[in-house]
Amino acid sequence: MDLYRDPSPAGASSISLEAEVPEVLFEGMRDFLRSHPQWDQYSVITSALAGFLFQNGCGDHSVTQHYLDGLFLQR
């Protein structure tokens, strides 16, 4: 896994992530994105990662906020 830090506007920062995933997960994401054009690959990965971290005990407020946004944001 490779990580690259990219500055974002408004003082927020983001990390560019390069990772290998099983082909079946990639195909599942691709199929999901085809049927949900309001989502993009970055939103799916961010939502999945925030969900994993939240459900496994990460108490960081920003992670919790990303998790809740993914649950309740109408896309």
PDB file of N, CA and C in Angstrom:
ATOM      1  N   MET A   1       0.851  -1.158   0.000  1.00  0.00           N
ATOM      2  CA  MET A   1       0.000   0.000   0.000  1.00  0.00           C
ATOM      3  C   MET A   1       0.903   1.229   0.000  1.00  0.00           C
ATOM      4  N   ASP A   2       0.587   2.184  -0.861  1.00  0.00           N
ATOM      5  CA  ASP A   2       1.330   3.430  -0.937  1.00  0.00           C
ATOM      6  C   ASP A   2       0.418   4.573  -0.530  1.00  0.00           C
ATOM      7  N   LEU A   3       0.956   5.518   0.251  1.00  0.00           N
ATOM      8  CA  LEU A   3       0.205   6.682   0.698  1.00  0.00           C
ATOM      9  C   LEU A   3       0.913   7.936   0.222  1.00  0.00           C
ATOM     10  N   TYR A   4       0.152   8.908  -0.258  1.00  0.00           N
ATOM     11  CA  TYR A   4       0.687  10.184  -0.704  1.00  0.00           C
ATOM     12  C   TYR A   4      -0.152  11.285  -0.084  1.00  0.00           C
ATOM     13  N   ARG A   5       0.493  12.242   0.574  1.00  0.00           N
ATOM     14  CA  ARG A   5      -0.237  13.348   1.212  1.00  0.00           C
ATOM     15  C   ARG A   5      -0.415  14.466   0.197  1.00  0.00           C
ATOM     16  N   ASP A   6      -1.680  14.895   0.033  1.00  0.00           N
ATOM     17  CA  ASP A   6      -2.011  15.986  -0.867  1.00  0.00           C
ATOM     18  C   ASP A   6      -2.722  17.074  -0.085  1.00  0.00           C
ATOM     19  N   PRO A   7      -2.264  18.332  -0.209  1.00  0.00           N
ATOM     20  CA  PRO A   7      -2.993  19.407   0.475  1.00  0.00           C
ATOM     21  C   PRO A   7      -4.329  19.639  -0.206  1.00  0.00           C
ATOM     22  N   SER A   8      -5.332  19.945   0.601  1.00  0.00           N
ATOM     23  CA  SER A   8      -6.660  20.248   0.083  1.00  0.00           C
ATOM     24  C   SER A   8      -7.023  21.671   0.452  1.00  0.00           C
ATOM     25  N   PRO A   9      -7.980  22.249  -0.256  1.00  0.00           N
ATOM     26  CA  PRO A   9      -8.412  23.600   0.104  1.00  0.00           C
ATOM     27  C   PRO A   9      -9.032  23.637   1.493  1.00  0.00           C
ATOM     28  N   ALA A  10      -9.119  24.814   2.044  1.00  0.00           N
ATOM     29  CA  ALA A  10      -9.757  25.076   3.339  1.00  0.00           C
ATOM     30  C   ALA A  10      -9.042  24.400   4.501  1.00  0.00           C
ATOM     31  N   GLY A  11      -7.757  24.162   4.373  1.00  0.00           N
ATOM     32  CA  GLY A  11      -6.984  23.632   5.475  1.00  0.00           C
ATOM     33  C   GLY A  11      -7.116  22.142   5.705  1.00  0.00           C
ATOM     34  N   ALA A  12      -8.008  21.465   5.019  1.00  0.00           N
ATOM     35  CA  ALA A  12      -8.154  20.016   5.178  1.00  0.00           C
ATOM     36  C   ALA A  12      -7.043  19.328   4.402  1.00  0.00           C
ATOM     37  N   SER A  13      -6.655  18.178   4.851  1.00  0.00           N
ATOM     38  CA  SER A  13      -5.650  17.434   4.111  1.00  0.00           C
ATOM     39  C   SER A  13      -6.218  16.087   3.727  1.00  0.00           C
ATOM     40  N   SER A  14      -5.680  15.533   2.674  1.00  0.00           N
ATOM     41  CA  SER A  14      -6.102  14.208   2.250  1.00  0.00           C
ATOM     42  C   SER A  14      -4.870  13.405   1.877  1.00  0.00           C
ATOM     43  N   ILE A  15      -5.034  12.113   1.896  1.00  0.00           N
ATOM     44  CA  ILE A  15      -3.971  11.189   1.554  1.00  0.00           C
ATOM     45  C   ILE A  15      -4.406  10.445   0.309  1.00  0.00           C
ATOM     46  N   SER A  16      -3.522  10.395  -0.653  1.00  0.00           N
ATOM     47  CA  SER A  16      -3.804   9.612  -1.843  1.00  0.00           C
ATOM     48  C   SER A  16      -3.361   8.187  -1.545  1.00  0.00           C
ATOM     49  N   LEU A  17      -4.242   7.232  -1.780  1.00  0.00           N
ATOM     50  CA  LEU A  17      -4.014   5.851  -1.385  1.00  0.00           C
ATOM     51  C   LEU A  17      -3.962   4.962  -2.617  1.00  0.00           C
ATOM     52  N   GLU A  18      -2.936   4.159  -2.678  1.00  0.00           N
ATOM     53  CA  GLU A  18      -2.831   3.167  -3.740  1.00  0.00           C
ATOM     54  C   GLU A  18      -2.764   1.803  -3.075  1.00  0.00           C
ATOM     55  N   ALA A  19      -3.716   0.936  -3.404  1.00  0.00           N
ATOM     56  CA  ALA A  19      -3.771  -0.378  -2.765  1.00  0.00           C
ATOM     57  C   ALA A  19      -4.266  -1.418  -3.747  1.00  0.00           C
ATOM     58  N   GLU A  20      -3.805  -2.630  -3.574  1.00  0.00           N
ATOM     59  CA  GLU A  20      -4.318  -3.746  -4.353  1.00  0.00           C
ATOM     60  C   GLU A  20      -5.484  -4.359  -3.598  1.00  0.00           C
ATOM     61  N   VAL A  21      -6.567  -4.623  -4.323  1.00  0.00           N
ATOM     62  CA  VAL A  21      -7.745  -5.248  -3.721  1.00  0.00           C
ATOM     63  C   VAL A  21      -8.113  -6.472  -4.547  1.00  0.00           C
ATOM     64  N   PRO A  22      -8.755  -7.436  -3.934  1.00  0.00           N
ATOM     65  CA  PRO A  22      -9.197  -8.602  -4.703  1.00  0.00           C
ATOM     66  C   PRO A  22     -10.111  -8.170  -5.856  1.00  0.00           C
ATOM     67  N   GLU A  23      -9.971  -8.857  -6.961  1.00  0.00           N
ATOM     68  CA  GLU A  23     -10.729  -8.503  -8.153  1.00  0.00           C
ATOM     69  C   GLU A  23     -12.234  -8.504  -7.897  1.00  0.00           C
ATOM     70  N   VAL A  24     -12.714  -9.442  -7.083  1.00  0.00           N
ATOM     71  CA  VAL A  24     -14.151  -9.518  -6.810  1.00  0.00           C
ATOM     72  C   VAL A  24     -14.641  -8.246  -6.117  1.00  0.00           C
ATOM     73  N   LEU A  25     -13.833  -7.652  -5.231  1.00  0.00           N
ATOM     74  CA  LEU A  25     -14.223  -6.398  -4.585  1.00  0.00           C
ATOM     75  C   LEU A  25     -14.223  -5.248  -5.580  1.00  0.00           C
ATOM     76  N   PHE A  26     -13.226  -5.222  -6.456  1.00  0.00           N
ATOM     77  CA  PHE A  26     -13.161  -4.187  -7.477  1.00  0.00           C
ATOM     78  C   PHE A  26     -14.383  -4.266  -8.395  1.00  0.00           C
ATOM     79  N   GLU A  27     -14.730  -5.483  -8.814  1.00  0.00           N
ATOM     80  CA  GLU A  27     -15.896  -5.665  -9.691  1.00  0.00           C
ATOM     81  C   GLU A  27     -17.180  -5.261  -8.978  1.00  0.00           C
ATOM     82  N   GLY A  28     -17.281  -5.589  -7.692  1.00  0.00           N
ATOM     83  CA  GLY A  28     -18.449  -5.178  -6.913  1.00  0.00           C
ATOM     84  C   GLY A  28     -18.564  -3.669  -6.825  1.00  0.00           C
ATOM     85  N   MET A  29     -17.445  -2.989  -6.601  1.00  0.00           N
ATOM     86  CA  MET A  29     -17.458  -1.533  -6.544  1.00  0.00           C
ATOM     87  C   MET A  29     -17.821  -0.954  -7.910  1.00  0.00           C
ATOM     88  N   ARG A  30     -17.261  -1.497  -8.962  1.00  0.00           N
ATOM     89  CA  ARG A  30     -17.547  -1.022 -10.313  1.00  0.00           C
ATOM     90  C   ARG A  30     -19.039  -1.179 -10.629  1.00  0.00           C
ATOM     91  N   ASP A  31     -19.621  -2.325 -10.280  1.00  0.00           N
ATOM     92  CA  ASP A  31     -21.041  -2.548 -10.519  1.00  0.00           C
ATOM     93  C   ASP A  31     -21.893  -1.573  -9.697  1.00  0.00           C
ATOM     94  N   PHE A  32     -21.498  -1.360  -8.448  1.00  0.00           N
ATOM     95  CA  PHE A  32     -22.219  -0.411  -7.601  1.00  0.00           C
ATOM     96  C   PHE A  32     -22.182   0.990  -8.213  1.00  0.00           C
ATOM     97  N   LEU A  33     -21.013   1.418  -8.665  1.00  0.00           N
ATOM     98  CA  LEU A  33     -20.871   2.756  -9.233  1.00  0.00           C
ATOM     99  C   LEU A  33     -21.674   2.921 -10.521  1.00  0.00           C
ATOM    100  N   ARG A  34     -21.769   1.865 -11.296  1.00  0.00           N
ATOM    101  CA  ARG A  34     -22.572   1.931 -12.526  1.00  0.00           C
ATOM    102  C   ARG A  34     -24.045   2.141 -12.219  1.00  0.00           C
ATOM    103  N   SER A  35     -24.531   1.554 -11.147  1.00  0.00           N
ATOM    104  CA  SER A  35     -25.954   1.676 -10.816  1.00  0.00           C
ATOM    105  C   SER A  35     -26.248   2.828  -9.851  1.00  0.00           C
ATOM    106  N   HIS A  36     -25.212   3.493  -9.354  1.00  0.00           N
ATOM    107  CA  HIS A  36     -25.371   4.639  -8.448  1.00  0.00           C
ATOM    108  C   HIS A  36     -24.458   5.769  -8.919  1.00  0.00           C
ATOM    109  N   PRO A  37     -24.833   6.458  -9.995  1.00  0.00           N
ATOM    110  CA  PRO A  37     -23.939   7.469 -10.588  1.00  0.00           C
ATOM    111  C   PRO A  37     -23.662   8.668  -9.683  1.00  0.00           C
ATOM    112  N   GLN A  38     -24.435   8.836  -8.617  1.00  0.00           N
ATOM    113  CA  GLN A  38     -24.190   9.932  -7.688  1.00  0.00           C
ATOM    114  C   GLN A  38     -22.979   9.661  -6.784  1.00  0.00           C
ATOM    115  N   TRP A  39     -22.506   8.425  -6.755  1.00  0.00           N
ATOM    116  CA  TRP A  39     -21.312   8.046  -5.991  1.00  0.00           C
ATOM    117  C   TRP A  39     -20.110   8.047  -6.927  1.00  0.00           C
ATOM    118  N   ASP A  40     -18.925   8.205  -6.362  1.00  0.00           N
ATOM    119  CA  ASP A  40     -17.696   7.998  -7.117  1.00  0.00           C
ATOM    120  C   ASP A  40     -16.790   7.085  -6.299  1.00  0.00           C
ATOM    121  N   GLN A  41     -15.701   6.633  -6.905  1.00  0.00           N
ATOM    122  CA  GLN A  41     -14.831   5.666  -6.228  1.00  0.00           C
ATOM    123  C   GLN A  41     -14.258   6.228  -4.937  1.00  0.00           C
ATOM    124  N   TYR A  42     -14.024   7.516  -4.884  1.00  0.00           N
ATOM    125  CA  TYR A  42     -13.449   8.119  -3.682  1.00  0.00           C
ATOM    126  C   TYR A  42     -14.456   8.114  -2.539  1.00  0.00           C
ATOM    127  N   SER A  43     -15.714   8.395  -2.840  1.00  0.00           N
ATOM    128  CA  SER A  43     -16.753   8.370  -1.812  1.00  0.00           C
ATOM    129  C   SER A  43     -16.965   6.963  -1.278  1.00  0.00           C
ATOM    130  N   VAL A  44     -16.937   5.977  -2.157  1.00  0.00           N
ATOM    131  CA  VAL A  44     -17.122   4.583  -1.731  1.00  0.00           C
ATOM    132  C   VAL A  44     -15.985   4.153  -0.806  1.00  0.00           C
ATOM    133  N   ILE A  45     -14.756   4.422  -1.202  1.00  0.00           N
ATOM    134  CA  ILE A  45     -13.600   4.021  -0.386  1.00  0.00           C
ATOM    135  C   ILE A  45     -13.600   4.764   0.947  1.00  0.00           C
ATOM    136  N   THR A  46     -13.874   6.067   0.927  1.00  0.00           N
ATOM    137  CA  THR A  46     -13.905   6.848   2.165  1.00  0.00           C
ATOM    138  C   THR A  46     -14.979   6.322   3.107  1.00  0.00           C
ATOM    139  N   SER A  47     -16.160   6.050   2.559  1.00  0.00           N
ATOM    140  CA  SER A  47     -17.257   5.528   3.374  1.00  0.00           C
ATOM    141  C   SER A  47     -16.912   4.160   3.958  1.00  0.00           C
ATOM    142  N   ALA A  48     -16.335   3.290   3.142  1.00  0.00           N
ATOM    143  CA  ALA A  48     -15.972   1.948   3.605  1.00  0.00           C
ATOM    144  C   ALA A  48     -14.901   2.006   4.694  1.00  0.00           C
ATOM    145  N   LEU A  49     -13.893   2.840   4.501  1.00  0.00           N
ATOM    146  CA  LEU A  49     -12.811   2.947   5.476  1.00  0.00           C
ATOM    147  C   LEU A  49     -13.319   3.553   6.786  1.00  0.00           C
ATOM    148  N   ALA A  50     -14.136   4.597   6.692  1.00  0.00           N
ATOM    149  CA  ALA A  50     -14.691   5.209   7.899  1.00  0.00           C
ATOM    150  C   ALA A  50     -15.578   4.207   8.644  1.00  0.00           C
ATOM    151  N   GLY A  51     -16.376   3.434   7.907  1.00  0.00           N
ATOM    152  CA  GLY A  51     -17.218   2.418   8.539  1.00  0.00           C
ATOM    153  C   GLY A  51     -16.400   1.375   9.263  1.00  0.00           C
ATOM    154  N   PHE A  52     -15.341   0.907   8.625  1.00  0.00           N
ATOM    155  CA  PHE A  52     -14.472  -0.089   9.250  1.00  0.00           C
ATOM    156  C   PHE A  52     -13.839   0.470  10.531  1.00  0.00           C
ATOM    157  N   LEU A  53     -13.269   1.663  10.444  1.00  0.00           N
ATOM    158  CA  LEU A  53     -12.605   2.250  11.608  1.00  0.00           C
ATOM    159  C   LEU A  53     -13.593   2.492  12.750  1.00  0.00           C
ATOM    160  N   PHE A  54     -14.759   3.061  12.436  1.00  0.00           N
ATOM    161  CA  PHE A  54     -15.762   3.331  13.456  1.00  0.00           C
ATOM    162  C   PHE A  54     -16.216   2.040  14.133  1.00  0.00           C
ATOM    163  N   GLN A  55     -16.524   1.031  13.337  1.00  0.00           N
ATOM    164  CA  GLN A  55     -17.034  -0.223  13.882  1.00  0.00           C
ATOM    165  C   GLN A  55     -15.981  -1.005  14.664  1.00  0.00           C
ATOM    166  N   ASN A  56     -14.720  -0.637  14.477  1.00  0.00           N
ATOM    167  CA  ASN A  56     -13.648  -1.326  15.199  1.00  0.00           C
ATOM    168  C   ASN A  56     -13.028  -0.458  16.282  1.00  0.00           C
ATOM    169  N   GLY A  57     -13.797   0.522  16.754  1.00  0.00           N
ATOM    170  CA  GLY A  57     -13.416   1.237  17.956  1.00  0.00           C
ATOM    171  C   GLY A  57     -12.668   2.533  17.796  1.00  0.00           C
ATOM    172  N   CYS A  58     -12.485   3.033  16.598  1.00  0.00           N
ATOM    173  CA  CYS A  58     -11.807   4.323  16.446  1.00  0.00           C
ATOM    174  C   CYS A  58     -12.721   5.414  16.985  1.00  0.00           C
ATOM    175  N   GLY A  59     -12.230   6.176  17.927  1.00  0.00           N
ATOM    176  CA  GLY A  59     -13.050   7.199  18.562  1.00  0.00           C
ATOM    177  C   GLY A  59     -12.799   8.598  18.050  1.00  0.00           C
ATOM    178  N   ASP A  60     -12.024   8.749  16.995  1.00  0.00           N
ATOM    179  CA  ASP A  60     -11.730  10.073  16.445  1.00  0.00           C
ATOM    180  C   ASP A  60     -13.015  10.717  15.910  1.00  0.00           C
ATOM    181  N   HIS A  61     -13.251  11.956  16.300  1.00  0.00           N
ATOM    182  CA  HIS A  61     -14.474  12.657  15.913  1.00  0.00           C
ATOM    183  C   HIS A  61     -14.621  12.756  14.392  1.00  0.00           C
ATOM    184  N   SER A  62     -13.537  13.018  13.685  1.00  0.00           N
ATOM    185  CA  SER A  62     -13.596  13.147  12.225  1.00  0.00           C
ATOM    186  C   SER A  62     -13.985  11.830  11.561  1.00  0.00           C
ATOM    187  N   VAL A  63     -13.472  10.724  12.084  1.00  0.00           N
ATOM    188  CA  VAL A  63     -13.837   9.407  11.541  1.00  0.00           C
ATOM    189  C   VAL A  63     -15.316   9.153  11.773  1.00  0.00           C
ATOM    190  N   THR A  64     -15.794   9.465  12.985  1.00  0.00           N
ATOM    191  CA  THR A  64     -17.211   9.296  13.298  1.00  0.00           C
ATOM    192  C   THR A  64     -18.067  10.141  12.363  1.00  0.00           C
ATOM    193  N   GLN A  65     -17.643  11.369  12.110  1.00  0.00           N
ATOM    194  CA  GLN A  65     -18.400  12.261  11.226  1.00  0.00           C
ATOM    195  C   GLN A  65     -18.458  11.701   9.806  1.00  0.00           C
ATOM    196  N   HIS A  66     -17.341  11.196   9.282  1.00  0.00           N
ATOM    197  CA  HIS A  66     -17.340  10.580   7.947  1.00  0.00           C
ATOM    198  C   HIS A  66     -18.266   9.361   7.918  1.00  0.00           C
ATOM    199  N   TYR A  67     -18.232   8.582   8.970  1.00  0.00           N
ATOM    200  CA  TYR A  67     -19.091   7.401   9.053  1.00  0.00           C
ATOM    201  C   TYR A  67     -20.567   7.803   9.014  1.00  0.00           C
ATOM    202  N   LEU A  68     -20.942   8.761   9.853  1.00  0.00           N
ATOM    203  CA  LEU A  68     -22.335   9.199   9.900  1.00  0.00           C
ATOM    204  C   LEU A  68     -22.757   9.868   8.602  1.00  0.00           C
ATOM    205  N   ASP A  69     -21.867  10.643   8.002  1.00  0.00           N
ATOM    206  CA  ASP A  69     -22.181  11.260   6.708  1.00  0.00           C
ATOM    207  C   ASP A  69     -22.478  10.191   5.663  1.00  0.00           C
ATOM    208  N   GLY A  70     -21.713   9.118   5.689  1.00  0.00           N
ATOM    209  CA  GLY A  70     -21.936   8.030   4.744  1.00  0.00           C
ATOM    210  C   GLY A  70     -23.253   7.314   4.974  1.00  0.00           C
ATOM    211  N   LEU A  71     -23.711   7.273   6.218  1.00  0.00           N
ATOM    212  CA  LEU A  71     -24.987   6.628   6.530  1.00  0.00           C
ATOM    213  C   LEU A  71     -26.182   7.480   6.150  1.00  0.00           C
ATOM    214  N   PHE A  72     -26.091   8.770   6.410  1.00  0.00           N
ATOM    215  CA  PHE A  72     -27.262   9.624   6.312  1.00  0.00           C
ATOM    216  C   PHE A  72     -27.261  10.594   5.141  1.00  0.00           C
ATOM    217  N   LEU A  73     -26.159  10.734   4.471  1.00  0.00           N
ATOM    218  CA  LEU A  73     -26.105  11.637   3.334  1.00  0.00           C
ATOM    219  C   LEU A  73     -26.892  11.029   2.181  1.00  0.00           C
ATOM    220  N   GLN A  74     -27.842  11.765   1.693  1.00  0.00           N
ATOM    221  CA  GLN A  74     -28.644  11.293   0.560  1.00  0.00           C
ATOM    222  C   GLN A  74     -27.843  11.469  -0.709  1.00  0.00           C
ATOM    223  N   ARG A  75     -27.505  10.368  -1.321  1.00  0.00           N
ATOM    224  CA  ARG A  75     -26.742  10.416  -2.576  1.00  0.00           C
ATOM    225  C   ARG A  75     -27.607   9.926  -3.693  1.00  0.00           C
TER     226      ARG A  75
END
